[in-house]
Amino acid sequence: MRKNVIITGASRGIGKSIALRFSKENFNVFIFGRDENELKKVKSEIEKNNAYCEYFIGDVADLTFVKNSIEQILTKEEKIDVLINNAGIAIFKKFIDTSLEDFKNQINANVIGVFNFTKAVIENMIENKNGTVINIVSQAGKNGFDFGTTYSATKHAVMGFSKSLMLEVRKFDIRIITVCPGSTDTEMIKNSPIHKNNKQFLSPKDVAEITYSIVNLPQNALVSDIEIRPNNP
Protein backbone atom coordinates (compact mmCIF):
# COMPACT_ATOMS: atom_id res chain seq x y z
CA MET A 1 0.00 0.00 0.00
CA ARG A 2 1.41 3.37 -1.01
CA LYS A 3 1.90 6.02 1.63
CA ASN A 4 0.94 9.68 1.25
CA VAL A 5 3.23 12.68 1.57
CA ILE A 6 2.26 16.36 1.41
CA ILE A 7 4.97 18.89 0.56
CA THR A 8 4.51 22.65 0.59
CA GLY A 9 6.66 25.04 -1.40
CA ALA A 10 7.31 22.25 -3.89
CA SER A 11 7.62 24.18 -7.14
CA ARG A 12 11.38 24.65 -6.87
CA GLY A 13 14.43 24.34 -4.65
CA ILE A 14 14.37 22.14 -1.57
CA GLY A 15 10.64 21.38 -1.83
CA LYS A 16 10.96 20.18 -5.41
CA SER A 17 13.94 17.98 -4.56
CA ILE A 18 12.07 16.46 -1.62
CA ALA A 19 9.05 15.74 -3.81
CA LEU A 20 11.20 14.01 -6.42
CA ARG A 21 13.03 11.98 -3.77
CA PHE A 22 9.82 10.66 -2.23
CA SER A 23 8.39 9.88 -5.67
CA LYS A 24 11.14 7.29 -6.14
CA GLU A 25 9.76 5.37 -3.17
CA ASN A 26 6.36 3.97 -2.27
CA PHE A 27 4.60 7.35 -1.92
CA ASN A 28 1.74 9.25 -3.48
CA VAL A 29 2.99 12.83 -3.66
CA PHE A 30 0.76 15.88 -3.08
CA ILE A 31 2.52 19.15 -3.81
CA PHE A 32 1.56 22.72 -2.97
CA GLY A 33 2.79 26.00 -4.38
CA ARG A 34 1.82 29.26 -6.07
CA ASP A 35 3.40 28.82 -9.51
CA GLU A 36 1.20 26.55 -11.60
CA ASN A 37 3.66 26.26 -14.48
CA GLU A 38 6.44 25.10 -12.17
CA LEU A 39 4.12 22.72 -10.30
CA LYS A 40 3.10 21.15 -13.61
CA LYS A 41 6.76 20.55 -14.42
CA VAL A 42 7.38 18.94 -11.04
CA LYS A 43 4.29 16.76 -11.47
CA SER A 44 5.57 15.60 -14.85
CA GLU A 45 8.95 14.68 -13.37
CA ILE A 46 7.29 12.81 -10.52
CA GLU A 47 5.12 10.82 -12.89
CA LYS A 48 8.24 9.70 -14.76
CA ASN A 49 9.09 7.84 -11.56
CA ASN A 50 5.74 6.00 -11.84
CA ALA A 51 4.37 7.81 -8.80
CA TYR A 52 0.96 9.41 -8.39
CA CYS A 53 1.07 13.18 -8.03
CA GLU A 54 -1.52 15.89 -7.53
CA TYR A 55 -0.79 19.59 -7.22
CA PHE A 56 -2.64 22.41 -5.46
CA ILE A 57 -2.22 26.12 -6.15
CA GLY A 58 -2.81 28.60 -3.35
CA ASP A 59 -1.55 30.55 -0.38
CA VAL A 60 -0.38 28.50 2.61
CA ALA A 61 -1.60 31.32 4.89
CA ASP A 62 -5.18 30.84 3.64
CA LEU A 63 -6.68 28.39 6.14
CA THR A 64 -9.81 27.79 4.05
CA PHE A 65 -7.71 26.82 1.03
CA VAL A 66 -5.55 24.53 3.15
CA LYS A 67 -8.48 22.80 4.88
CA ASN A 68 -10.37 22.28 1.62
CA SER A 69 -7.28 20.85 -0.07
CA ILE A 70 -6.55 18.39 2.75
CA GLU A 71 -10.21 17.34 2.84
CA GLN A 72 -10.02 16.71 -0.91
CA ILE A 73 -7.00 14.46 -0.42
CA LEU A 74 -8.70 12.57 2.41
CA THR A 75 -11.73 11.80 0.27
CA LYS A 76 -9.39 9.60 -1.78
CA GLU A 77 -6.82 8.51 0.78
CA GLU A 78 -7.31 6.97 4.20
CA LYS A 79 -4.56 8.91 5.93
CA ILE A 80 -1.73 11.38 5.67
CA ASP A 81 1.54 9.67 6.53
CA VAL A 82 3.97 12.56 6.13
CA LEU A 83 3.63 16.34 6.04
CA ILE A 84 6.65 18.41 5.04
CA ASN A 85 6.23 22.11 5.72
CA ASN A 86 8.79 23.66 3.40
CA ALA A 87 7.07 26.77 1.99
CA GLY A 88 8.60 30.04 3.03
CA ILE A 89 9.99 33.37 1.95
CA ALA A 90 12.94 35.45 3.07
CA ILE A 91 13.32 39.20 2.90
CA PHE A 92 16.92 40.09 3.61
CA LYS A 93 17.28 43.74 4.58
CA LYS A 94 18.84 45.87 7.23
CA PHE A 95 16.31 46.12 10.05
CA ILE A 96 16.11 49.89 9.65
CA ASP A 97 14.92 49.34 6.06
CA THR A 98 12.47 46.54 6.90
CA SER A 99 8.77 47.43 6.89
CA LEU A 100 6.02 45.94 9.00
CA GLU A 101 4.56 44.61 5.74
CA ASP A 102 7.84 42.75 5.07
CA PHE A 103 7.60 41.17 8.50
CA LYS A 104 3.92 40.23 8.14
CA ASN A 105 4.54 38.63 4.74
CA GLN A 106 7.24 36.42 6.21
CA ILE A 107 5.09 35.53 9.21
CA ASN A 108 2.26 34.48 6.90
CA ALA A 109 4.42 32.25 4.71
CA ASN A 110 6.85 30.93 7.30
CA VAL A 111 4.72 30.61 10.44
CA ILE A 112 1.00 30.76 9.64
CA GLY A 113 1.51 28.32 6.77
CA VAL A 114 3.12 25.80 9.12
CA PHE A 115 0.26 26.24 11.59
CA ASN A 116 -2.42 25.83 8.91
CA PHE A 117 -1.09 22.64 7.35
CA THR A 118 -0.22 21.04 10.66
CA LYS A 119 -3.66 21.93 12.02
CA ALA A 120 -5.28 20.42 8.93
CA VAL A 121 -3.53 17.02 9.16
CA ILE A 122 -2.87 16.46 12.85
CA GLU A 123 -6.35 15.16 13.71
CA ASN A 124 -6.05 12.49 11.01
CA MET A 125 -2.64 11.49 12.36
CA ILE A 126 -3.99 11.29 15.91
CA GLU A 127 -6.89 9.11 14.75
CA ASN A 128 -4.45 6.77 13.00
CA LYS A 129 -1.91 6.95 15.83
CA ASN A 130 0.82 7.44 13.27
CA GLY A 131 2.41 10.24 11.29
CA THR A 132 5.43 12.42 10.73
CA VAL A 133 5.54 16.21 10.41
CA ILE A 134 8.82 17.66 9.20
CA ASN A 135 9.32 21.40 9.35
CA ILE A 136 12.12 22.68 7.14
CA VAL A 137 13.45 25.49 9.28
CA SER A 138 16.98 26.85 8.76
CA GLN A 139 20.05 27.60 10.81
CA ALA A 140 18.31 30.98 11.09
CA GLY A 141 15.94 29.26 13.52
CA LYS A 142 18.84 28.91 15.94
CA ASN A 143 21.14 31.80 15.12
CA GLY A 144 20.84 35.40 14.07
CA PHE A 145 22.66 36.94 11.13
CA ASP A 146 23.10 40.25 9.34
CA PHE A 147 20.14 41.34 7.19
CA GLY A 148 18.01 38.51 8.62
CA THR A 149 16.36 39.92 11.74
CA THR A 150 12.74 39.34 10.76
CA TYR A 151 13.42 36.15 8.78
CA SER A 152 15.28 34.67 11.74
CA ALA A 153 12.42 35.67 14.06
CA THR A 154 9.93 33.66 12.00
CA LYS A 155 12.20 30.62 11.96
CA HIS A 156 12.70 30.80 15.72
CA ALA A 157 8.90 30.78 16.00
CA VAL A 158 8.71 27.55 14.01
CA MET A 159 11.35 25.96 16.24
CA GLY A 160 9.32 26.79 19.36
CA PHE A 161 6.12 25.58 17.72
CA SER A 162 7.75 22.29 16.72
CA LYS A 163 9.38 21.54 20.07
CA SER A 164 6.16 22.17 21.98
CA LEU A 165 3.93 20.21 19.60
CA MET A 166 6.37 17.30 19.65
CA LEU A 167 5.85 16.96 23.40
CA GLU A 168 2.07 17.13 22.97
CA VAL A 169 1.58 14.49 20.25
CA ARG A 170 4.42 11.99 20.63
CA LYS A 171 2.10 9.86 22.81
CA PHE A 172 0.09 9.22 19.62
CA ASP A 173 3.21 7.91 17.80
CA ILE A 174 3.41 11.16 15.84
CA ARG A 175 6.86 12.57 15.18
CA ILE A 176 7.43 16.32 14.89
CA ILE A 177 10.87 16.96 13.43
CA THR A 178 12.79 20.09 12.50
CA VAL A 179 15.37 20.05 9.72
CA CYS A 180 17.75 23.00 9.87
CA PRO A 181 19.94 23.31 6.79
CA GLY A 182 22.75 25.78 6.52
CA SER A 183 23.09 27.85 3.35
CA THR A 184 21.60 25.90 0.46
CA ASP A 185 21.97 26.62 -3.25
CA THR A 186 18.47 27.94 -3.98
CA GLU A 187 17.04 31.02 -5.64
CA MET A 188 16.27 32.44 -2.20
CA ILE A 189 19.95 32.46 -1.27
CA LYS A 190 21.15 33.59 -4.69
CA ASN A 191 19.03 36.72 -4.32
CA SER A 192 20.32 37.51 -0.85
CA PRO A 193 23.21 39.67 0.37
CA ILE A 194 24.78 36.61 2.04
CA HIS A 195 25.33 34.80 -1.25
CA LYS A 196 29.03 34.45 -2.04
CA ASN A 197 30.12 31.14 -3.50
CA ASN A 198 27.51 28.45 -4.06
CA LYS A 199 30.21 25.78 -4.27
CA GLN A 200 30.35 26.10 -0.50
CA PHE A 201 26.62 25.53 -0.12
CA LEU A 202 24.47 22.45 0.36
CA SER A 203 22.44 21.35 -2.62
CA PRO A 204 18.66 20.89 -2.38
CA LYS A 205 19.25 17.20 -3.13
CA ASP A 206 21.39 16.92 0.01
CA VAL A 207 18.53 18.22 2.13
CA ALA A 208 16.02 15.98 0.33
CA GLU A 209 18.10 12.85 0.91
CA ILE A 210 18.46 13.52 4.62
CA THR A 211 14.77 14.39 4.94
CA TYR A 212 13.77 11.10 3.34
CA SER A 213 16.18 9.16 5.57
CA ILE A 214 14.55 10.65 8.68
CA VAL A 215 11.13 9.43 7.60
CA ASN A 216 12.62 5.97 7.10
CA LEU A 217 13.70 5.66 10.72
CA PRO A 218 11.79 3.13 12.86
CA GLN A 219 8.50 4.66 13.96
CA ASN A 220 9.46 4.31 17.62
CA ALA A 221 12.63 6.35 17.02
CA LEU A 222 12.32 10.12 17.20
CA VAL A 223 15.11 12.37 16.00
CA SER A 224 13.50 15.66 16.89
CA ASP A 225 16.01 18.00 15.25
CA ILE A 226 18.59 17.70 12.47
CA GLU A 227 21.23 20.29 11.62
CA ILE A 228 22.78 20.08 8.16
CA ARG A 229 25.88 22.03 7.26
CA PRO A 230 28.23 22.11 4.27
CA ASN A 231 31.15 19.78 4.97
CA ASN A 232 33.79 22.22 3.72
CA PRO A 233 32.45 25.77 4.07
Foldseek 3Di string as FASTA:
>chain_A
DAAEEEFEPCLDFLNLLLQQVCLLDRYAYEYEEADVVSVVVSQVSSVVSVHHYDYDHDFLLPLVSLLVVLVVVCVPDVAHAEYELEWFAAFFDAPVPDDPVNLVRRLSGLPSSLVSNCVNHVVRCLVVLHHEYEYEAACLLVDPDHRGPSNSVSSVVVVVVQVVVQVVRVVSLYARAYEHEYAEPDPRLVPYPPDDDNVQHHYSNVSSVVVVVQSVPPSNDYDRYHYHGRPHD
